Amino acid sequence: MPYRELMIRPLIARAFWLLSPWRLRTQPAPDRPAVFIGAPHTSNWDFVLMLAIAWQQRIRLRWLGKHTLFTGWRGPIMRALGGLPVDRRSPAGLVDEVVARIRAGDVFGLVITPDGTRGPHEHWKSGFYRIARATGLPLVLGYVDRTTMTTGLGPLVELTGRVREDMDLIRAFYRDKSGFHPHLRVEPRLREEPEVEGGRAL
């Protein structure tokens, strides 16, 4: 990233937090690559908050976005902001692609929103968990809470592979986090969790 951008982005973030009704309440950024969860993800405004957090904390973040966001004139902008296009019509190779990037030495923090804003759903998608386990990266629990008008980074979580126990820790953190639109919040729960009780791995 050009030196000029490195200098300007923290200034933009500082101005944002001075003018925004949202307050930044965060733990320090990790000093190593990690998978960042963005939750509860209930609004596209979460994207703005994510950039403001990353630029304030000087974190090099990459994020996954639907491939249609990267067409035409928007493509260069989205890539400059850290976006990685994902074709949701054929998502089977997504985890493998991200793992390959990280193993090839591309050092970054990867933001994933396990729940989404489109349509009703009852579970989080498990890609964040599989990517973190496959790369050995910890999770950083990013959050948005409309109740307190705060957002930021929560604790760092080292996954054990015991899915139910790991998700219990994640659920405990997000229990009082409402998201931008509280009525759209989804409880942190993976569809695969019941399978673990029978001895099957995720």
C-alpha atoms as a PDB file:
ATOM      1  CA  MET A   1       0.000   0.000   0.000  1.00  0.00           C
ATOM      2  CA  PRO A   2       1.396   3.441  -0.918  1.00  0.00           C
ATOM      3  CA  TYR A   3       2.850   5.466   1.954  1.00  0.00           C
ATOM      4  CA  ARG A   4       0.380   8.299   1.322  1.00  0.00           C
ATOM      5  CA  GLU A   5      -2.593   5.970   1.871  1.00  0.00           C
ATOM      6  CA  LEU A   6      -1.029   4.648   5.073  1.00  0.00           C
ATOM      7  CA  MET A   7      -0.895   8.219   6.403  1.00  0.00           C
ATOM      8  CA  ILE A   8      -4.314   9.418   5.192  1.00  0.00           C
ATOM      9  CA  ARG A   9      -6.462   6.500   6.310  1.00  0.00           C
ATOM     10  CA  PRO A  10      -5.885   6.971  10.079  1.00  0.00           C
ATOM     11  CA  LEU A  11      -6.725  10.667   9.676  1.00  0.00           C
ATOM     12  CA  ILE A  12      -9.994   9.803   7.919  1.00  0.00           C
ATOM     13  CA  ALA A  13     -10.800   7.284  10.659  1.00  0.00           C
ATOM     14  CA  ARG A  14     -10.059   9.825  13.391  1.00  0.00           C
ATOM     15  CA  ALA A  15     -12.423  12.320  11.758  1.00  0.00           C
ATOM     16  CA  PHE A  16     -15.089   9.643  11.431  1.00  0.00           C
ATOM     17  CA  TRP A  17     -15.004   8.748  15.125  1.00  0.00           C
ATOM     18  CA  LEU A  18     -15.099  12.426  16.113  1.00  0.00           C
ATOM     19  CA  LEU A  19     -18.220  13.065  14.023  1.00  0.00           C
ATOM     20  CA  SER A  20     -20.002   9.724  14.263  1.00  0.00           C
ATOM     21  CA  PRO A  21     -22.657   8.919  16.899  1.00  0.00           C
ATOM     22  CA  TRP A  22     -20.919   5.542  17.207  1.00  0.00           C
ATOM     23  CA  ARG A  23     -18.170   5.100  19.776  1.00  0.00           C
ATOM     24  CA  LEU A  24     -15.081   2.969  19.255  1.00  0.00           C
ATOM     25  CA  ARG A  25     -14.676   0.634  22.214  1.00  0.00           C
ATOM     26  CA  THR A  26     -12.044  -1.881  21.271  1.00  0.00           C
ATOM     27  CA  GLN A  27      -9.294  -4.140  22.457  1.00  0.00           C
ATOM     28  CA  PRO A  28      -5.875  -3.725  20.795  1.00  0.00           C
ATOM     29  CA  ALA A  29      -5.472  -5.186  17.319  1.00  0.00           C
ATOM     30  CA  PRO A  30      -3.667  -8.550  17.227  1.00  0.00           C
ATOM     31  CA  ASP A  31       0.017  -8.497  16.380  1.00  0.00           C
ATOM     32  CA  ARG A  32      -0.302 -11.454  13.989  1.00  0.00           C
ATOM     33  CA  PRO A  33      -2.616 -12.551  11.154  1.00  0.00           C
ATOM     34  CA  ALA A  34      -6.104 -13.569  12.259  1.00  0.00           C
ATOM     35  CA  VAL A  35      -9.621 -14.226  11.031  1.00  0.00           C
ATOM     36  CA  PHE A  36     -11.869 -11.343  12.060  1.00  0.00           C
ATOM     37  CA  ILE A  37     -15.553 -12.050  12.647  1.00  0.00           C
ATOM     38  CA  GLY A  38     -17.894  -9.148  11.885  1.00  0.00           C
ATOM     39  CA  ALA A  39     -21.143  -9.688  13.797  1.00  0.00           C
ATOM     40  CA  PRO A  40     -23.999  -9.334  14.236  1.00  0.00           C
ATOM     41  CA  HIS A  41     -24.070  -8.396  10.537  1.00  0.00           C
ATOM     42  CA  THR A  42     -27.464  -6.774  10.027  1.00  0.00           C
ATOM     43  CA  SER A  43     -26.724  -3.756   7.804  1.00  0.00           C
ATOM     44  CA  ASN A  44     -24.450  -2.654   4.981  1.00  0.00           C
ATOM     45  CA  TRP A  45     -23.384   0.195   7.301  1.00  0.00           C
ATOM     46  CA  ASP A  46     -21.285  -2.463   9.043  1.00  0.00           C
ATOM     47  CA  PHE A  47     -18.869  -2.104   6.119  1.00  0.00           C
ATOM     48  CA  VAL A  48     -18.242   1.561   6.950  1.00  0.00           C
ATOM     49  CA  LEU A  49     -17.682   0.746  10.620  1.00  0.00           C
ATOM     50  CA  MET A  50     -15.292  -2.071   9.654  1.00  0.00           C
ATOM     51  CA  LEU A  51     -13.148   0.292   7.570  1.00  0.00           C
ATOM     52  CA  ALA A  52     -13.149   2.918  10.318  1.00  0.00           C
ATOM     53  CA  ILE A  53     -11.974   0.344  12.870  1.00  0.00           C
ATOM     54  CA  ALA A  54      -9.272  -1.053  10.573  1.00  0.00           C
ATOM     55  CA  TRP A  55      -7.943   2.370   9.549  1.00  0.00           C
ATOM     56  CA  GLN A  56      -7.902   3.599  13.150  1.00  0.00           C
ATOM     57  CA  GLN A  57      -6.038   0.484  14.296  1.00  0.00           C
ATOM     58  CA  ARG A  58      -3.783   0.375  11.202  1.00  0.00           C
ATOM     59  CA  ILE A  59      -4.821  -3.176  10.373  1.00  0.00           C
ATOM     60  CA  ARG A  60      -4.323  -4.569   6.868  1.00  0.00           C
ATOM     61  CA  LEU A  61      -7.680  -6.235   6.323  1.00  0.00           C
ATOM     62  CA  ARG A  62      -9.090  -8.260   3.458  1.00  0.00           C
ATOM     63  CA  TRP A  63     -12.788  -9.009   3.235  1.00  0.00           C
ATOM     64  CA  LEU A  64     -15.005 -11.298   1.187  1.00  0.00           C
ATOM     65  CA  GLY A  65     -17.656  -9.733  -1.040  1.00  0.00           C
ATOM     66  CA  LYS A  66     -20.073 -11.042  -3.660  1.00  0.00           C
ATOM     67  CA  HIS A  67     -18.494 -10.974  -7.101  1.00  0.00           C
ATOM     68  CA  THR A  68     -21.043  -8.536  -8.526  1.00  0.00           C
ATOM     69  CA  LEU A  69     -19.579  -5.796  -6.301  1.00  0.00           C
ATOM     70  CA  PHE A  70     -16.350  -6.027  -8.304  1.00  0.00           C
ATOM     71  CA  THR A  71     -17.772  -5.436 -11.789  1.00  0.00           C
ATOM     72  CA  GLY A  72     -17.252  -2.273 -13.801  1.00  0.00           C
ATOM     73  CA  TRP A  73     -15.951   0.893 -12.155  1.00  0.00           C
ATOM     74  CA  ARG A  74     -16.544  -0.483  -8.653  1.00  0.00           C
ATOM     75  CA  GLY A  75     -13.995  -3.267  -9.042  1.00  0.00           C
ATOM     76  CA  PRO A  76     -10.783  -1.242  -8.553  1.00  0.00           C
ATOM     77  CA  ILE A  77     -12.325   0.642  -5.618  1.00  0.00           C
ATOM     78  CA  MET A  78     -13.464  -2.508  -3.833  1.00  0.00           C
ATOM     79  CA  ARG A  79     -10.095  -4.188  -4.345  1.00  0.00           C
ATOM     80  CA  ALA A  80      -8.281  -1.073  -3.088  1.00  0.00           C
ATOM     81  CA  LEU A  81     -10.427  -1.284   0.059  1.00  0.00           C
ATOM     82  CA  GLY A  82      -9.301  -4.872   0.607  1.00  0.00           C
ATOM     83  CA  GLY A  83     -12.073  -6.819  -1.102  1.00  0.00           C
ATOM     84  CA  LEU A  84     -11.760 -10.372  -2.393  1.00  0.00           C
ATOM     85  CA  PRO A  85     -14.551 -11.317  -4.854  1.00  0.00           C
ATOM     86  CA  VAL A  86     -16.584 -14.445  -4.128  1.00  0.00           C
ATOM     87  CA  ASP A  87     -18.956 -16.089  -6.593  1.00  0.00           C
ATOM     88  CA  ARG A  88     -21.718 -17.320  -4.299  1.00  0.00           C
ATOM     89  CA  ARG A  89     -23.175 -19.417  -7.119  1.00  0.00           C
ATOM     90  CA  SER A  90     -20.143 -21.703  -6.805  1.00  0.00           C
ATOM     91  CA  PRO A  91     -18.688 -21.197  -3.303  1.00  0.00           C
ATOM     92  CA  ALA A  92     -17.187 -24.680  -2.952  1.00  0.00           C
ATOM     93  CA  GLY A  93     -13.593 -23.569  -3.485  1.00  0.00           C
ATOM     94  CA  LEU A  94     -13.740 -20.440  -1.331  1.00  0.00           C
ATOM     95  CA  VAL A  95     -12.140 -21.916   1.774  1.00  0.00           C
ATOM     96  CA  ASP A  96      -9.387 -23.601  -0.258  1.00  0.00           C
ATOM     97  CA  GLU A  97      -8.638 -20.363  -2.125  1.00  0.00           C
ATOM     98  CA  VAL A  98      -8.306 -18.307   1.054  1.00  0.00           C
ATOM     99  CA  VAL A  99      -6.195 -20.979   2.746  1.00  0.00           C
ATOM    100  CA  ALA A 100      -3.910 -21.083  -0.300  1.00  0.00           C
ATOM    101  CA  ARG A 101      -3.426 -17.287  -0.181  1.00  0.00           C
ATOM    102  CA  ILE A 102      -2.454 -17.394   3.478  1.00  0.00           C
ATOM    103  CA  ARG A 103      -0.134 -20.371   3.084  1.00  0.00           C
ATOM    104  CA  ALA A 104       1.544 -18.621   0.151  1.00  0.00           C
ATOM    105  CA  GLY A 105       2.592 -15.856   2.526  1.00  0.00           C
ATOM    106  CA  ASP A 106      -0.080 -13.227   1.836  1.00  0.00           C
ATOM    107  CA  VAL A 107      -0.226 -11.699   5.335  1.00  0.00           C
ATOM    108  CA  PHE A 108      -3.500 -10.025   6.239  1.00  0.00           C
ATOM    109  CA  GLY A 109      -6.420 -10.106   8.610  1.00  0.00           C
ATOM    110  CA  LEU A 110      -9.427 -11.684   6.930  1.00  0.00           C
ATOM    111  CA  VAL A 111     -12.868 -10.277   7.775  1.00  0.00           C
ATOM    112  CA  ILE A 112     -15.791 -12.688   7.492  1.00  0.00           C
ATOM    113  CA  THR A 113     -19.433 -11.999   8.323  1.00  0.00           C
ATOM    114  CA  PRO A 114     -20.818 -15.461   9.193  1.00  0.00           C
ATOM    115  CA  ASP A 115     -24.407 -14.207   9.266  1.00  0.00           C
ATOM    116  CA  GLY A 116     -25.891 -11.907   6.629  1.00  0.00           C
ATOM    117  CA  THR A 117     -28.410  -9.235   5.852  1.00  0.00           C
ATOM    118  CA  ARG A 118     -30.329 -10.940   3.056  1.00  0.00           C
ATOM    119  CA  GLY A 119     -33.305 -13.133   3.892  1.00  0.00           C
ATOM    120  CA  PRO A 120     -34.238 -15.046   7.034  1.00  0.00           C
ATOM    121  CA  HIS A 121     -31.789 -17.614   8.375  1.00  0.00           C
ATOM    122  CA  GLU A 122     -31.171 -19.442  11.623  1.00  0.00           C
ATOM    123  CA  HIS A 123     -27.487 -20.388  11.496  1.00  0.00           C
ATOM    124  CA  TRP A 124     -24.127 -18.826  10.868  1.00  0.00           C
ATOM    125  CA  LYS A 125     -22.133 -20.121   7.901  1.00  0.00           C
ATOM    126  CA  SER A 126     -19.153 -22.160   9.016  1.00  0.00           C
ATOM    127  CA  GLY A 127     -16.547 -20.903   6.522  1.00  0.00           C
ATOM    128  CA  PHE A 128     -14.881 -18.692   9.150  1.00  0.00           C
ATOM    129  CA  TYR A 129     -14.395 -21.703  11.401  1.00  0.00           C
ATOM    130  CA  ARG A 130     -13.007 -23.946   8.663  1.00  0.00           C
ATOM    131  CA  ILE A 131     -10.611 -21.254   7.408  1.00  0.00           C
ATOM    132  CA  ALA A 132      -9.321 -20.535  10.919  1.00  0.00           C
ATOM    133  CA  ARG A 133      -8.799 -24.233  11.645  1.00  0.00           C
ATOM    134  CA  ALA A 134      -7.161 -24.955   8.279  1.00  0.00           C
ATOM    135  CA  THR A 135      -4.663 -22.095   8.671  1.00  0.00           C
ATOM    136  CA  GLY A 136      -4.173 -22.261  12.434  1.00  0.00           C
ATOM    137  CA  LEU A 137      -5.184 -18.601  12.728  1.00  0.00           C
ATOM    138  CA  PRO A 138      -7.002 -17.287  15.800  1.00  0.00           C
ATOM    139  CA  LEU A 139     -10.355 -15.527  15.657  1.00  0.00           C
ATOM    140  CA  VAL A 140     -10.845 -11.882  16.576  1.00  0.00           C
ATOM    141  CA  LEU A 141     -14.437 -11.131  17.576  1.00  0.00           C
ATOM    142  CA  GLY A 142     -15.472  -7.842  15.995  1.00  0.00           C
ATOM    143  CA  TYR A 143     -18.855  -6.487  17.010  1.00  0.00           C
ATOM    144  CA  VAL A 144     -21.570  -3.888  16.447  1.00  0.00           C
ATOM    145  CA  ASP A 145     -23.984  -3.040  19.271  1.00  0.00           C
ATOM    146  CA  ARG A 146     -26.812  -0.586  18.596  1.00  0.00           C
ATOM    147  CA  THR A 147     -27.957  -0.709  22.235  1.00  0.00           C
ATOM    148  CA  THR A 148     -24.804   1.044  23.450  1.00  0.00           C
ATOM    149  CA  MET A 149     -23.866   2.595  20.076  1.00  0.00           C
ATOM    150  CA  THR A 150     -20.438   0.982  20.331  1.00  0.00           C
ATOM    151  CA  THR A 151     -18.344  -1.065  17.940  1.00  0.00           C
ATOM    152  CA  GLY A 152     -14.834  -2.461  17.903  1.00  0.00           C
ATOM    153  CA  LEU A 153     -12.719  -5.558  18.409  1.00  0.00           C
ATOM    154  CA  GLY A 154     -13.327  -8.030  21.183  1.00  0.00           C
ATOM    155  CA  PRO A 155     -11.123 -10.856  22.442  1.00  0.00           C
ATOM    156  CA  LEU A 156      -8.861 -13.150  20.457  1.00  0.00           C
ATOM    157  CA  VAL A 157     -10.026 -16.778  20.463  1.00  0.00           C
ATOM    158  CA  GLU A 158      -7.831 -19.782  19.726  1.00  0.00           C
ATOM    159  CA  LEU A 159     -10.056 -22.518  18.286  1.00  0.00           C
ATOM    160  CA  THR A 160      -9.707 -26.001  19.716  1.00  0.00           C
ATOM    161  CA  GLY A 161     -11.606 -28.003  17.101  1.00  0.00           C
ATOM    162  CA  ARG A 162     -14.239 -28.856  19.710  1.00  0.00           C
ATOM    163  CA  VAL A 163     -16.917 -26.981  17.822  1.00  0.00           C
ATOM    164  CA  ARG A 164     -19.606 -26.800  20.491  1.00  0.00           C
ATOM    165  CA  GLU A 165     -17.152 -25.520  23.130  1.00  0.00           C
ATOM    166  CA  ASP A 166     -15.637 -22.985  20.730  1.00  0.00           C
ATOM    167  CA  MET A 167     -19.078 -21.724  19.718  1.00  0.00           C
ATOM    168  CA  ASP A 168     -20.138 -21.471  23.362  1.00  0.00           C
ATOM    169  CA  LEU A 169     -17.298 -18.960  23.874  1.00  0.00           C
ATOM    170  CA  ILE A 170     -18.371 -17.015  20.799  1.00  0.00           C
ATOM    171  CA  ARG A 171     -22.037 -17.070  21.880  1.00  0.00           C
ATOM    172  CA  ALA A 172     -21.096 -15.757  25.315  1.00  0.00           C
ATOM    173  CA  PHE A 173     -19.334 -12.745  23.802  1.00  0.00           C
ATOM    174  CA  TYR A 174     -22.113 -11.861  21.372  1.00  0.00           C
ATOM    175  CA  ARG A 175     -24.953 -12.511  23.817  1.00  0.00           C
ATOM    176  CA  ASP A 176     -25.458  -8.796  24.565  1.00  0.00           C
ATOM    177  CA  LYS A 177     -24.433  -7.454  21.118  1.00  0.00           C
ATOM    178  CA  SER A 178     -27.481  -6.363  19.120  1.00  0.00           C
ATOM    179  CA  GLY A 179     -26.104  -5.355  15.705  1.00  0.00           C
ATOM    180  CA  PHE A 180     -27.098  -2.274  13.694  1.00  0.00           C
ATOM    181  CA  HIS A 181     -30.664  -3.566  13.293  1.00  0.00           C
ATOM    182  CA  PRO A 182     -31.379  -5.626  16.435  1.00  0.00           C
ATOM    183  CA  HIS A 183     -34.473  -7.343  14.997  1.00  0.00           C
ATOM    184  CA  LEU A 184     -32.283  -8.985  12.318  1.00  0.00           C
ATOM    185  CA  ARG A 185     -29.778 -10.451  14.766  1.00  0.00           C
ATOM    186  CA  VAL A 186     -29.075 -14.191  14.464  1.00  0.00           C
ATOM    187  CA  GLU A 187     -27.817 -16.286  17.376  1.00  0.00           C
ATOM    188  CA  PRO A 188     -24.231 -17.516  16.761  1.00  0.00           C
ATOM    189  CA  ARG A 189     -24.868 -21.176  15.982  1.00  0.00           C
ATOM    190  CA  LEU A 190     -23.465 -23.455  13.279  1.00  0.00           C
ATOM    191  CA  ARG A 191     -25.650 -25.954  11.470  1.00  0.00           C
ATOM    192  CA  GLU A 192     -22.898 -28.533  12.059  1.00  0.00           C
ATOM    193  CA  GLU A 193     -22.921 -28.273  15.846  1.00  0.00           C
ATOM    194  CA  PRO A 194     -25.432 -31.099  16.540  1.00  0.00           C
ATOM    195  CA  GLU A 195     -23.265 -33.456  14.457  1.00  0.00           C
ATOM    196  CA  VAL A 196     -20.369 -32.983  16.866  1.00  0.00           C
ATOM    197  CA  GLU A 197     -22.373 -34.471  19.706  1.00  0.00           C
ATOM    198  CA  GLY A 198     -22.377 -37.782  17.861  1.00  0.00           C
ATOM    199  CA  GLY A 199     -18.602 -37.737  17.533  1.00  0.00           C
ATOM    200  CA  ARG A 200     -18.371 -36.341  14.028  1.00  0.00           C
ATOM    201  CA  ALA A 201     -15.990 -33.494  13.293  1.00  0.00           C
ATOM    202  CA  LEU A 202     -16.947 -30.351  11.443  1.00  0.00           C
END
